[in-house]
Protein backbone atom coordinates (compact mmCIF):
# COMPACT_ATOMS: atom_id res chain seq x y z
CA MET A 1 0.28 -19.51 -11.22
CA ALA A 2 -0.84 -22.95 -12.39
CA LYS A 3 -1.61 -24.04 -15.92
CA SER A 4 -5.38 -23.93 -16.03
CA LYS A 5 -6.02 -25.30 -19.51
CA SER A 6 -4.56 -25.52 -22.98
CA ILE A 7 -5.59 -25.08 -26.57
CA ASN A 8 -4.49 -27.12 -29.55
CA VAL A 9 -3.02 -25.04 -32.37
CA LYS A 10 -2.07 -27.01 -35.48
CA GLY A 11 -1.34 -30.10 -33.41
CA THR A 12 0.58 -28.29 -30.65
CA GLU A 13 -0.74 -27.90 -27.11
CA ILE A 14 -0.35 -24.26 -25.97
CA GLY A 15 -0.71 -23.65 -22.24
CA LEU A 16 -3.12 -21.04 -20.96
CA PHE A 17 -2.59 -19.66 -17.47
CA SER A 18 -4.90 -17.64 -15.26
CA ASN A 19 -4.07 -15.40 -12.34
CA GLY A 20 -7.14 -13.73 -10.90
CA ASN A 21 -8.86 -11.97 -13.79
CA GLU A 22 -5.74 -12.06 -15.98
CA ASP A 23 -5.08 -14.71 -18.63
CA TYR A 24 -1.69 -15.58 -20.13
CA VAL A 25 -0.46 -17.69 -23.05
CA SER A 26 2.78 -19.69 -22.81
CA ILE A 27 5.28 -18.29 -25.31
CA THR A 28 7.55 -21.20 -24.39
CA ASP A 29 4.97 -23.63 -25.77
CA ILE A 30 4.68 -21.54 -28.94
CA ALA A 31 8.47 -21.48 -29.39
CA ARG A 32 8.66 -25.22 -28.70
CA HIS A 33 6.35 -25.77 -31.68
CA LYS A 34 8.80 -23.93 -33.94
CA ASP A 35 11.94 -25.76 -32.75
CA SER A 36 11.87 -27.83 -29.58
CA ALA A 37 15.69 -28.07 -29.42
CA ASN A 38 16.23 -24.28 -29.52
CA THR A 39 13.27 -22.84 -27.63
CA ASP A 40 15.50 -20.45 -25.68
CA SER A 41 17.06 -19.00 -28.85
CA ILE A 42 13.67 -18.44 -30.42
CA ILE A 43 12.43 -16.49 -27.40
CA GLN A 44 15.68 -14.48 -27.18
CA ASN A 45 15.43 -13.52 -30.85
CA TRP A 46 11.78 -12.60 -30.48
CA LEU A 47 12.60 -10.32 -27.54
CA ARG A 48 15.29 -8.56 -29.62
CA ASN A 49 12.96 -7.95 -32.55
CA ARG A 50 12.22 -4.28 -33.27
CA ASN A 51 8.47 -4.91 -33.50
CA THR A 52 8.44 -6.75 -30.17
CA ILE A 53 10.33 -3.90 -28.46
CA GLU A 54 7.84 -1.39 -29.87
CA LEU A 55 4.90 -3.51 -28.72
CA LEU A 56 6.35 -3.79 -25.21
CA GLY A 57 6.91 -0.02 -25.09
CA PHE A 58 3.34 0.64 -26.20
CA TRP A 59 2.03 -1.87 -23.64
CA GLU A 60 4.05 -0.24 -20.85
CA GLN A 61 2.80 3.24 -21.79
CA MET A 62 -0.79 2.03 -21.54
CA TYR A 63 -0.60 -0.14 -18.42
CA ASN A 64 2.39 0.98 -16.35
CA PRO A 65 1.85 4.30 -14.56
CA GLY A 66 5.56 4.33 -13.58
CA PHE A 67 6.78 3.88 -17.17
CA LYS A 68 9.71 6.14 -18.06
CA PRO A 69 9.60 6.86 -21.81
CA LEU A 70 13.02 8.57 -21.93
CA GLU A 71 14.72 5.55 -20.37
CA PHE A 72 12.84 3.30 -22.77
CA GLU A 73 14.17 5.29 -25.74
CA GLY A 74 17.70 4.44 -24.63
CA PHE A 75 16.76 0.80 -24.34
CA GLN A 76 15.10 0.90 -27.75
CA SER A 77 18.23 2.30 -29.38
CA ARG A 78 20.31 -0.66 -28.11
CA ARG A 79 17.96 -3.37 -29.39
CA GLY A 80 18.98 -6.31 -31.52
């Protein structure tokens, strides 16, 4: 998947990627805007956030036919 274009958000270039009919935004570029020295920590903390976990669970329920809600509940209880 190659970077197809970018957008400028408040002076920061954010990569946009395309794969077939699907488009993606680079969360690494967004995190780099916040703190370029600690991009990995920002993404790790975002992935541990309760709201992020709930969003990912909702997304999986909608788009993943093999999603296992009971297993996800166990994962959800160990967040953060």
